[in-house]
Amino acid sequence: MKGATVADIMVPAPIVAELPGTRNEVINLMVRNGLTGLPVVRSSDGKLMGVVSRRDVFRNFEEDQLSLIMKKGCMTTTPDTPVVDVARVFSEKRIHRLPVVENGTLVGIVTPTDVLKIVKDMKTDMVAGDVIRTVCVTAYEKDPMSYVVSAMRISDVAAMPILDEKGKLCGIITDRDMFSDQFKDDESLKALGIKDVADLEGARNVLPLFFATTDKYKADNSLVCDYMVRNPASVFKKTNLAEVAKLMLSNDYGQIPVHDTKDQLIGMIYDVDVLCALLGSNND
């Protein structure tokens, strides 16, 4: 799609969160609609106020009010903006969603996943090893979840490769796994401060995070291996970025571990890194 604009790839009329709102309302919206983040608008007039993501909830789980969790003053784009310009913003700022505004009105949202749909059909010489740009923080499969939650928050990473006792990649854990459906006990769910059991659907999906970020976790003996995704897909450092984009899209991955010729983990490649393929071909 040479010369493509945001209008060609954006998701129109996106689902939004409203101010005033709460953490649990946002969690429910994300869980019910399979979203990792969404725009936030003011309920009184629909004005765009910011964006909120799963990672924002993860970093600020102790906060209940949406206004204290969301990112305010977010960057925006327009329908006629070239896709390559949006890719540059994602790559340089390492953000994962841009609200699309036209004449002051929110008309859509665009994410790195939308741009990957262009990258997967490209011809590029760039490979996975060319674009690894973040420090790879790992954990041991027998580490307590309390450590992993703290490590992810302090290092501000969305995913951690998990190693076995021989130092080999055996799993991966992401902020998505913190939102997985692990607990069914309504009494425990009510510890989140929700009294109406009918509203507990989204709360169920963050109980691992809740227990790991409060004193209640001290009584829980969960280990990383209880939550991690086992035997995760990985790519070779010489894998073409178009192939990486295809793998991410077909499996809904936001990141993939990268290995060398000896099958040793050398880092993680994220969706925003793969967009470098588009930037490198800008003058083709």
Protein backbone atom coordinates (compact mmCIF):
# COMPACT_ATOMS: atom_id res chain seq x y z
CA MET A 1 0.00 0.00 0.00
CA LYS A 2 2.47 2.58 -1.18
CA GLY A 3 1.28 6.06 -0.28
CA ALA A 4 -1.23 4.69 2.24
CA THR A 5 -2.71 7.05 4.80
CA VAL A 6 -4.13 6.54 8.26
CA ALA A 7 -7.63 6.45 6.76
CA ASP A 8 -6.67 3.25 4.92
CA ILE A 9 -5.73 1.29 8.04
CA MET A 10 -7.39 2.86 11.10
CA VAL A 11 -10.21 1.32 13.12
CA PRO A 12 -13.16 3.73 12.76
CA ALA A 13 -15.58 4.68 15.56
CA PRO A 14 -13.48 3.06 18.30
CA ILE A 15 -14.81 1.86 21.64
CA VAL A 16 -14.04 4.51 24.26
CA ALA A 17 -13.81 4.86 28.02
CA GLU A 18 -15.52 7.84 29.63
CA LEU A 19 -14.62 10.30 32.34
CA PRO A 20 -15.51 10.15 35.10
CA GLY A 21 -14.76 6.45 35.23
CA THR A 22 -13.04 3.77 37.28
CA ARG A 23 -10.29 1.20 36.90
CA ASN A 24 -12.76 -1.69 36.95
CA GLU A 25 -14.96 -0.12 34.27
CA VAL A 26 -11.94 0.16 31.99
CA ILE A 27 -10.84 -3.40 32.75
CA ASN A 28 -14.31 -4.67 31.83
CA LEU A 29 -14.25 -2.76 28.55
CA MET A 30 -10.84 -4.19 27.65
CA VAL A 31 -11.72 -7.75 28.61
CA ARG A 32 -15.15 -7.83 26.96
CA ASN A 33 -13.86 -6.34 23.70
CA GLY A 34 -10.43 -7.95 23.54
CA LEU A 35 -8.63 -4.60 23.68
CA THR A 36 -5.24 -3.62 25.09
CA GLY A 37 -6.16 0.06 25.33
CA LEU A 38 -8.67 2.66 24.25
CA PRO A 39 -9.27 6.42 23.94
CA VAL A 40 -10.77 8.27 26.89
CA VAL A 41 -13.43 10.92 26.29
CA ARG A 42 -15.36 13.28 28.56
CA SER A 43 -18.87 11.95 29.01
CA SER A 44 -20.45 15.42 28.98
CA ASP A 45 -19.36 16.36 25.46
CA GLY A 46 -17.30 13.51 23.97
CA LYS A 47 -14.08 15.53 23.98
CA LEU A 48 -10.91 13.43 23.74
CA MET A 49 -9.10 13.55 27.08
CA GLY A 50 -6.38 10.93 26.64
CA VAL A 51 -5.78 7.21 26.27
CA VAL A 52 -5.60 4.30 28.70
CA SER A 53 -3.87 0.96 28.19
CA ARG A 54 -3.47 -2.34 29.96
CA ARG A 55 0.04 -1.24 30.89
CA ASP A 56 -1.31 1.95 32.47
CA VAL A 57 -3.54 -0.18 34.69
CA PHE A 58 -0.61 -2.48 35.41
CA ARG A 59 1.62 0.44 36.48
CA ASN A 60 -1.07 2.13 38.57
CA PHE A 61 -3.17 -0.71 39.88
CA GLU A 62 -3.50 0.88 43.30
CA GLU A 63 -5.46 3.76 41.73
CA ASP A 64 -9.21 3.42 41.30
CA GLN A 65 -10.07 6.54 39.31
CA LEU A 66 -9.53 6.47 35.55
CA SER A 67 -8.34 10.09 35.62
CA LEU A 68 -5.35 9.00 37.72
CA ILE A 69 -4.49 6.00 35.54
CA MET A 70 -4.85 7.30 31.98
CA LYS A 71 -2.32 9.22 29.91
CA LYS A 72 -3.43 12.82 29.50
CA GLY A 73 -2.54 15.11 26.62
CA CYS A 74 -1.91 12.19 24.28
CA MET A 75 -0.58 12.54 20.76
CA THR A 76 -3.13 12.30 17.96
CA THR A 77 -3.09 11.94 14.20
CA THR A 78 -5.44 12.67 11.29
CA PRO A 79 -6.98 10.47 8.58
CA ASP A 80 -4.80 11.99 5.84
CA THR A 81 -1.50 11.46 7.66
CA PRO A 82 0.86 9.15 5.69
CA VAL A 83 1.24 5.72 7.31
CA VAL A 84 5.03 6.09 7.27
CA ASP A 85 4.73 9.14 9.53
CA VAL A 86 2.59 7.22 12.00
CA ALA A 87 5.07 4.32 11.91
CA ARG A 88 7.85 6.77 12.80
CA VAL A 89 5.89 8.04 15.80
CA PHE A 90 5.24 4.50 17.04
CA SER A 91 8.87 3.52 16.55
CA GLU A 92 10.46 6.61 18.08
CA LYS A 93 8.00 7.21 20.94
CA ARG A 94 7.31 3.49 21.53
CA ILE A 95 3.62 4.13 22.01
CA HIS A 96 0.92 1.72 20.90
CA ARG A 97 -2.12 3.73 19.93
CA LEU A 98 -2.89 7.06 18.30
CA PRO A 99 -6.42 8.47 18.37
CA VAL A 100 -7.44 9.76 14.94
CA VAL A 101 -9.06 13.19 15.05
CA GLU A 102 -10.80 15.12 12.28
CA ASN A 103 -12.20 18.62 12.78
CA GLY A 104 -11.81 18.18 16.52
CA THR A 105 -13.80 14.93 16.61
CA LEU A 106 -12.49 11.46 17.41
CA VAL A 107 -13.08 9.36 14.28
CA GLY A 108 -10.82 6.36 14.79
CA ILE A 109 -7.73 4.82 16.32
CA VAL A 110 -4.57 3.38 14.77
CA THR A 111 -2.11 0.95 16.38
CA PRO A 112 1.17 -0.74 15.40
CA THR A 113 -0.86 -3.86 14.57
CA ASP A 114 -2.64 -1.89 11.85
CA VAL A 115 0.71 -0.86 10.37
CA LEU A 116 2.09 -4.42 10.56
CA LYS A 117 -0.52 -5.38 7.96
CA ILE A 118 1.48 -3.28 5.50
CA VAL A 119 4.88 -4.50 6.65
CA LYS A 120 3.95 -8.18 6.20
CA ASP A 121 3.56 -7.66 2.44
CA MET A 122 6.76 -5.66 1.99
CA LYS A 123 10.08 -6.62 0.50
CA THR A 124 12.78 -5.56 2.94
CA ASP A 125 16.36 -6.57 3.69
CA MET A 126 15.98 -5.79 7.38
CA VAL A 127 16.00 -8.69 9.85
CA ALA A 128 15.04 -9.18 13.48
CA GLY A 129 18.57 -8.73 14.79
CA ASP A 130 18.80 -5.31 13.14
CA VAL A 131 16.08 -3.73 15.25
CA ILE A 132 16.37 -5.10 18.80
CA ARG A 133 16.46 -1.89 20.82
CA THR A 134 15.45 -2.68 24.40
CA VAL A 135 17.17 -4.41 27.27
CA CYS A 136 15.85 -7.94 27.66
CA VAL A 137 14.77 -8.57 31.26
CA THR A 138 14.37 -12.27 32.07
CA ALA A 139 13.01 -14.32 34.97
CA TYR A 140 13.45 -17.88 36.22
CA GLU A 141 10.47 -20.22 35.94
CA LYS A 142 10.48 -20.87 39.69
CA ASP A 143 10.58 -17.19 40.67
CA PRO A 144 7.60 -16.00 42.72
CA MET A 145 5.04 -13.94 40.83
CA SER A 146 5.57 -11.11 43.31
CA TYR A 147 9.11 -10.69 41.97
CA VAL A 148 8.04 -10.73 38.33
CA VAL A 149 5.32 -8.14 38.83
CA SER A 150 7.79 -5.83 40.58
CA ALA A 151 10.50 -6.43 37.95
CA MET A 152 8.12 -5.69 35.08
CA ARG A 153 6.90 -2.50 36.71
CA ILE A 154 10.37 -1.23 37.61
CA SER A 155 11.89 -2.03 34.21
CA ASP A 156 8.73 -0.91 32.39
CA VAL A 157 8.63 -3.89 30.05
CA ALA A 158 5.48 -5.51 28.69
CA ALA A 159 6.93 -9.01 28.58
CA MET A 160 9.65 -11.16 30.13
CA PRO A 161 11.18 -14.30 28.61
CA ILE A 162 11.30 -17.11 31.19
CA LEU A 163 14.36 -19.34 31.53
CA ASP A 164 14.69 -22.83 32.99
CA GLU A 165 17.43 -24.03 35.33
CA LYS A 166 19.77 -24.51 32.35
CA GLY A 167 19.25 -20.96 31.12
CA LYS A 168 17.14 -22.06 28.15
CA LEU A 169 14.00 -20.26 27.03
CA CYS A 170 11.01 -22.22 28.36
CA GLY A 171 8.24 -19.62 28.51
CA ILE A 172 7.15 -16.03 28.32
CA ILE A 173 4.98 -13.89 30.55
CA THR A 174 3.34 -10.66 29.46
CA ASP A 175 1.09 -8.03 30.97
CA ARG A 176 -1.71 -9.86 29.13
CA ASP A 177 -1.11 -12.90 31.34
CA MET A 178 -1.66 -10.68 34.38
CA PHE A 179 -5.17 -10.18 33.01
CA SER A 180 -5.87 -13.85 32.38
CA ASP A 181 -8.86 -15.64 33.87
CA GLN A 182 -7.22 -17.44 36.77
CA PHE A 183 -9.60 -17.07 39.71
CA LYS A 184 -13.30 -17.81 40.09
CA ASP A 185 -13.92 -17.15 43.77
CA ASP A 186 -16.46 -14.34 44.12
CA GLU A 187 -15.39 -13.64 47.68
CA SER A 188 -11.83 -13.04 46.53
CA LEU A 189 -13.11 -10.94 43.67
CA LYS A 190 -14.96 -8.71 46.09
CA ALA A 191 -11.58 -7.85 47.60
CA LEU A 192 -11.22 -5.57 44.61
CA GLY A 193 -13.94 -3.41 46.09
CA ILE A 194 -16.76 -4.56 43.82
CA LYS A 195 -19.91 -5.60 45.64
CA ASP A 196 -22.13 -6.52 42.70
CA VAL A 197 -21.15 -10.01 41.54
CA ALA A 198 -22.65 -9.25 38.13
CA ASP A 199 -19.90 -6.69 37.58
CA LEU A 200 -17.03 -9.01 38.43
CA GLU A 201 -16.21 -10.31 34.95
CA GLY A 202 -13.41 -7.87 34.25
CA ALA A 203 -12.15 -7.97 37.82
CA ARG A 204 -11.63 -11.74 37.62
CA ASN A 205 -9.12 -11.18 34.91
CA VAL A 206 -6.83 -9.03 37.02
CA LEU A 207 -6.74 -11.01 40.22
CA PRO A 208 -3.19 -12.26 39.60
CA LEU A 209 -2.13 -8.63 39.36
CA PHE A 210 -4.25 -7.62 42.34
CA PHE A 211 -2.73 -10.23 44.62
CA ALA A 212 0.76 -9.44 43.40
CA THR A 213 0.46 -5.71 44.04
CA THR A 214 -1.09 -5.81 47.49
CA ASP A 215 -0.26 -7.34 50.86
CA LYS A 216 -2.79 -10.07 50.10
CA TYR A 217 -0.20 -11.63 47.80
CA LYS A 218 1.95 -12.60 50.79
CA ALA A 219 -0.37 -15.53 51.42
CA ASP A 220 -0.20 -16.70 47.81
CA ASN A 221 2.55 -19.09 46.66
CA SER A 222 2.09 -18.75 42.89
CA LEU A 223 5.19 -19.07 40.74
CA VAL A 224 6.01 -17.75 37.29
CA CYS A 225 5.48 -21.22 35.84
CA ASP A 226 1.84 -21.06 36.99
CA TYR A 227 1.12 -18.13 34.67
CA MET A 228 3.66 -18.20 31.86
CA VAL A 229 2.97 -19.34 28.30
CA ARG A 230 5.10 -22.42 27.79
CA ASN A 231 7.31 -23.11 24.77
CA PRO A 232 6.74 -19.70 23.19
CA ALA A 233 7.35 -19.02 19.52
CA SER A 234 10.66 -17.32 18.79
CA VAL A 235 12.45 -16.03 15.70
CA PHE A 236 16.02 -16.34 14.47
CA LYS A 237 18.04 -13.13 14.46
CA LYS A 238 18.22 -13.32 10.64
CA THR A 239 14.44 -13.68 10.19
CA ASN A 240 13.15 -11.08 7.73
CA LEU A 241 10.99 -8.37 9.31
CA ALA A 242 8.13 -9.09 6.91
CA GLU A 243 8.06 -12.66 8.25
CA VAL A 244 8.17 -11.37 11.83
CA ALA A 245 5.18 -9.14 11.03
CA LYS A 246 3.24 -12.12 9.66
CA LEU A 247 3.98 -14.15 12.77
CA MET A 248 2.87 -11.34 15.06
CA LEU A 249 -0.35 -10.78 13.15
CA SER A 250 -1.33 -14.44 12.81
CA ASN A 251 -0.78 -15.10 16.53
CA ASP A 252 -1.70 -11.71 18.00
CA TYR A 253 1.80 -11.26 19.44
CA GLY A 254 3.07 -7.88 20.57
CA GLN A 255 6.58 -9.21 21.08
CA ILE A 256 8.66 -12.28 20.21
CA PRO A 257 11.92 -13.63 21.70
CA VAL A 258 14.91 -13.66 19.32
CA HIS A 259 17.54 -16.43 19.30
CA ASP A 260 20.93 -16.99 17.65
CA THR A 261 22.41 -19.96 15.77
CA LYS A 262 23.02 -21.79 19.05
CA ASP A 263 19.39 -21.30 20.08
CA GLN A 264 20.48 -18.86 22.79
CA LEU A 265 18.13 -16.02 23.68
CA ILE A 266 19.61 -12.69 22.53
CA GLY A 267 16.70 -10.33 23.06
CA MET A 268 13.10 -9.40 22.39
CA ILE A 269 11.63 -7.76 19.31
CA TYR A 270 8.45 -5.70 19.73
CA ASP A 271 5.82 -4.69 17.20
CA VAL A 272 7.07 -1.09 17.22
CA ASP A 273 10.56 -2.37 16.31
CA VAL A 274 9.26 -4.25 13.28
CA LEU A 275 7.88 -0.98 11.90
CA CYS A 276 11.48 0.01 11.16
CA ALA A 277 11.06 -1.99 7.95
CA LEU A 278 8.63 0.61 6.68
CA LEU A 279 10.83 3.51 7.72
CA GLY A 280 13.86 1.96 6.04
CA SER A 281 11.97 1.67 2.76
CA ASN A 282 10.63 5.20 2.83
CA ASN A 283 12.83 6.26 -0.08
CA ASP A 284 12.20 3.21 -2.25
